[in-house]
Amino acid sequence: MSVYDFTVKMIDGKDVSLGDFKGKVLLIANTASKCGFTPQYQELQALYDQYTDQGLEILGFPSNQFAEQEPGSNDEVRSFCQLNYGVTFPLFAKSDVRGENANPLFAYLTSQIPFQGFDLNHPIGKGLQEALENNFPDYLLGDSIKWNFTKFLIDRNGKVVGRYEPTTTPLAMKADIEKLLG
């Protein structure tokens, strides 16, 4: 099994097979518009601008599961991303990324690479860890998505090769992306 086996819904409601992205390096992220990590959209777009011609695709999956930080409709999400961050990479329909109703793609991604903790040296790292411990302790159990802007790096063969928690900025992933683009 690989990410190519999944069909997902674009933000405009159309179904697309991730098999359409065969041969590309993929960066898949769950996103939100009202989160402390939302400015990561800017770095995701910068990576897309820099590397799309070399075969990088960035796929954004909005989710409202984390403190309801993505409350808008799909159209509102798309408008927000375009107006505030100039997002041109593909966005997908809002969906759950953890729990029993999780998008099957995210259930697969989290089964491939376990959660290994947050970077507690990141300015928000300790605060995120404490907020989860105090308010959402069950989120810290297992390997599921813990918060917005968890990112997965997929090689050109559809294999999940990296998991990056919200405390890892997209630009900090450049070396890993460049290695895969080779």
Protein backbone atom coordinates (compact mmCIF):
# COMPACT_ATOMS: atom_id res chain seq x y z
CA MET A 1 0.00 0.00 0.00
CA SER A 2 1.09 3.59 -0.63
CA VAL A 3 -0.44 7.06 -0.65
CA TYR A 4 -1.27 6.43 -4.31
CA ASP A 5 -4.03 4.04 -3.22
CA PHE A 6 -6.14 6.87 -1.77
CA THR A 7 -8.79 9.04 -3.37
CA VAL A 8 -9.43 12.36 -1.66
CA LYS A 9 -11.85 15.24 -2.11
CA MET A 10 -10.48 18.55 -3.37
CA ILE A 11 -11.66 21.75 -1.70
CA ASP A 12 -14.02 22.31 -4.64
CA GLY A 13 -15.65 18.90 -4.03
CA LYS A 14 -14.05 16.96 -6.88
CA ASP A 15 -12.53 13.57 -6.13
CA VAL A 16 -8.89 13.07 -7.08
CA SER A 17 -6.72 9.98 -6.90
CA LEU A 18 -3.38 10.54 -5.22
CA GLY A 19 -2.14 8.20 -7.95
CA ASP A 20 -2.27 11.32 -10.14
CA PHE A 21 0.80 12.49 -8.19
CA LYS A 22 2.94 9.40 -8.95
CA GLY A 23 6.57 10.30 -9.45
CA LYS A 24 6.29 13.51 -7.39
CA VAL A 25 7.68 14.26 -3.95
CA LEU A 26 4.70 15.06 -1.74
CA LEU A 27 4.45 17.19 1.37
CA ILE A 28 1.08 16.52 3.01
CA ALA A 29 -0.05 18.78 5.87
CA ASN A 30 -3.18 19.17 7.97
CA THR A 31 -3.90 22.87 8.24
CA ALA A 32 -6.05 25.49 9.97
CA SER A 33 -6.68 29.20 9.49
CA LYS A 34 -6.90 30.34 13.12
CA CYS A 35 -3.93 28.59 14.70
CA GLY A 36 -0.64 29.85 16.10
CA PHE A 37 1.01 27.77 13.36
CA THR A 38 -1.10 29.25 10.53
CA PRO A 39 1.81 31.42 9.32
CA GLN A 40 3.39 28.14 8.15
CA TYR A 41 1.20 28.58 5.06
CA GLN A 42 3.71 31.22 3.96
CA GLU A 43 6.65 28.81 4.19
CA LEU A 44 4.66 26.01 2.53
CA GLN A 45 3.92 28.33 -0.38
CA ALA A 46 7.60 29.38 -0.54
CA LEU A 47 8.64 25.73 -0.80
CA TYR A 48 6.02 25.15 -3.47
CA ASP A 49 7.21 28.16 -5.46
CA GLN A 50 10.84 27.07 -5.20
CA TYR A 51 10.50 23.35 -5.89
CA THR A 52 7.32 22.64 -7.83
CA ASP A 53 9.21 22.68 -11.14
CA GLN A 54 11.52 20.01 -9.71
CA GLY A 55 8.62 17.74 -8.77
CA LEU A 56 7.39 18.85 -5.33
CA GLU A 57 3.66 18.93 -4.66
CA ILE A 58 2.25 20.30 -1.43
CA LEU A 59 -1.18 19.05 -0.39
CA GLY A 60 -3.07 20.95 2.31
CA PHE A 61 -5.87 19.28 4.27
CA PRO A 62 -7.84 21.70 6.49
CA SER A 63 -9.27 20.29 9.70
CA ASN A 64 -11.41 21.79 12.44
CA GLN A 65 -10.53 19.12 15.02
CA PHE A 66 -8.07 21.13 17.09
CA ALA A 67 -9.82 23.75 19.24
CA GLU A 68 -12.10 24.55 16.27
CA GLN A 69 -9.37 26.55 14.55
CA GLU A 70 -10.78 25.93 11.05
CA PRO A 71 -14.44 26.93 11.45
CA GLY A 72 -15.10 28.25 7.94
CA SER A 73 -16.57 26.54 4.91
CA ASN A 74 -14.33 25.10 2.22
CA ASP A 75 -14.84 28.27 0.15
CA GLU A 76 -13.90 30.45 3.13
CA VAL A 77 -10.79 28.35 3.76
CA ARG A 78 -9.69 28.64 0.13
CA SER A 79 -10.29 32.41 0.09
CA PHE A 80 -8.42 32.89 3.37
CA CYS A 81 -5.41 30.93 2.11
CA GLN A 82 -5.28 32.75 -1.22
CA LEU A 83 -5.83 36.25 0.18
CA ASN A 84 -3.55 36.00 3.22
CA TYR A 85 -0.79 33.68 2.03
CA GLY A 86 -1.08 33.55 -1.76
CA VAL A 87 -1.60 29.78 -1.60
CA THR A 88 -1.56 28.14 -5.03
CA PHE A 89 -0.81 24.56 -3.98
CA PRO A 90 -3.74 22.10 -3.89
CA LEU A 91 -6.12 22.33 -0.96
CA PHE A 92 -8.55 19.59 -0.06
CA ALA A 93 -11.96 19.48 1.60
CA LYS A 94 -12.09 19.91 5.36
CA SER A 95 -11.94 16.56 7.10
CA ASP A 96 -11.05 14.90 10.36
CA VAL A 97 -7.42 13.79 10.59
CA ARG A 98 -7.66 11.77 13.81
CA GLY A 99 -10.21 9.55 15.51
CA GLU A 100 -12.83 7.17 14.21
CA ASN A 101 -13.92 9.52 11.39
CA ALA A 102 -10.38 10.34 10.29
CA ASN A 103 -9.67 10.75 6.61
CA PRO A 104 -8.28 7.29 5.67
CA LEU A 105 -5.19 8.97 4.19
CA PHE A 106 -4.25 10.36 7.62
CA ALA A 107 -4.92 7.04 9.34
CA TYR A 108 -2.46 5.54 6.86
CA LEU A 109 0.15 8.30 7.24
CA THR A 110 0.18 8.07 11.03
CA SER A 111 0.47 4.27 10.83
CA GLN A 112 3.67 4.65 8.81
CA ILE A 113 5.69 6.92 11.09
CA PRO A 114 5.04 7.20 14.83
CA PHE A 115 4.75 10.38 16.85
CA GLN A 116 8.15 11.16 18.36
CA GLY A 117 7.35 14.30 20.36
CA PHE A 118 7.44 18.03 19.82
CA ASP A 119 10.57 20.15 19.57
CA LEU A 120 10.46 21.63 23.06
CA ASN A 121 13.10 24.20 22.03
CA HIS A 122 10.65 25.71 19.53
CA PRO A 123 9.06 28.91 20.90
CA ILE A 124 5.63 27.28 20.93
CA GLY A 125 6.78 23.70 21.63
CA LYS A 126 6.54 23.70 25.42
CA GLY A 127 3.29 25.65 25.33
CA LEU A 128 1.74 23.18 22.89
CA GLN A 129 2.85 20.22 24.99
CA GLU A 130 1.42 21.81 28.15
CA ALA A 131 -1.84 22.83 26.44
CA LEU A 132 -2.37 19.28 25.24
CA GLU A 133 -1.49 17.80 28.64
CA ASN A 134 -3.93 20.18 30.38
CA ASN A 135 -6.78 20.40 27.87
CA PHE A 136 -6.59 17.46 25.47
CA PRO A 137 -4.53 14.76 27.21
CA ASP A 138 -6.01 11.99 25.04
CA TYR A 139 -4.47 13.70 21.98
CA LEU A 140 -1.03 12.73 23.28
CA LEU A 141 -1.86 9.03 23.26
CA GLY A 142 -0.71 6.89 20.34
CA ASP A 143 0.59 8.04 16.99
CA SER A 144 -2.39 10.06 15.76
CA ILE A 145 -2.15 13.69 14.62
CA LYS A 146 -1.59 15.86 17.69
CA TRP A 147 -2.29 19.35 16.28
CA ASN A 148 -2.54 21.48 13.16
CA PHE A 149 0.36 21.59 10.70
CA THR A 150 1.65 18.08 11.18
CA LYS A 151 3.51 17.36 7.95
CA PHE A 152 4.41 14.15 6.11
CA LEU A 153 7.06 13.83 3.42
CA ILE A 154 6.46 11.22 0.72
CA ASP A 155 9.11 10.06 -1.77
CA ARG A 156 8.60 9.69 -5.53
CA ASN A 157 7.52 6.07 -5.02
CA GLY A 158 4.69 6.93 -2.63
CA LYS A 159 6.54 5.86 0.53
CA VAL A 160 6.14 7.93 3.70
CA VAL A 161 9.70 8.89 4.65
CA GLY A 162 9.25 11.69 7.18
CA ARG A 163 6.88 13.04 9.81
CA TYR A 164 7.28 16.57 11.10
CA GLU A 165 5.27 17.91 13.99
CA PRO A 166 3.90 21.48 14.03
CA THR A 167 7.04 22.68 15.83
CA THR A 168 9.09 21.91 12.70
CA THR A 169 8.71 24.73 10.21
CA PRO A 170 8.35 23.90 6.54
CA LEU A 171 11.62 25.68 5.66
CA ALA A 172 13.43 23.47 8.19
CA MET A 173 12.48 20.57 5.90
CA LYS A 174 14.36 21.94 2.87
CA ALA A 175 17.35 19.59 3.07
CA ASP A 176 15.09 16.55 3.32
CA ILE A 177 12.99 17.76 0.37
CA GLU A 178 16.07 18.51 -1.74
CA LYS A 179 17.46 15.04 -1.03
CA LEU A 180 14.26 13.44 -2.34
CA LEU A 181 14.12 15.72 -5.38
CA GLY A 182 17.73 14.71 -6.08
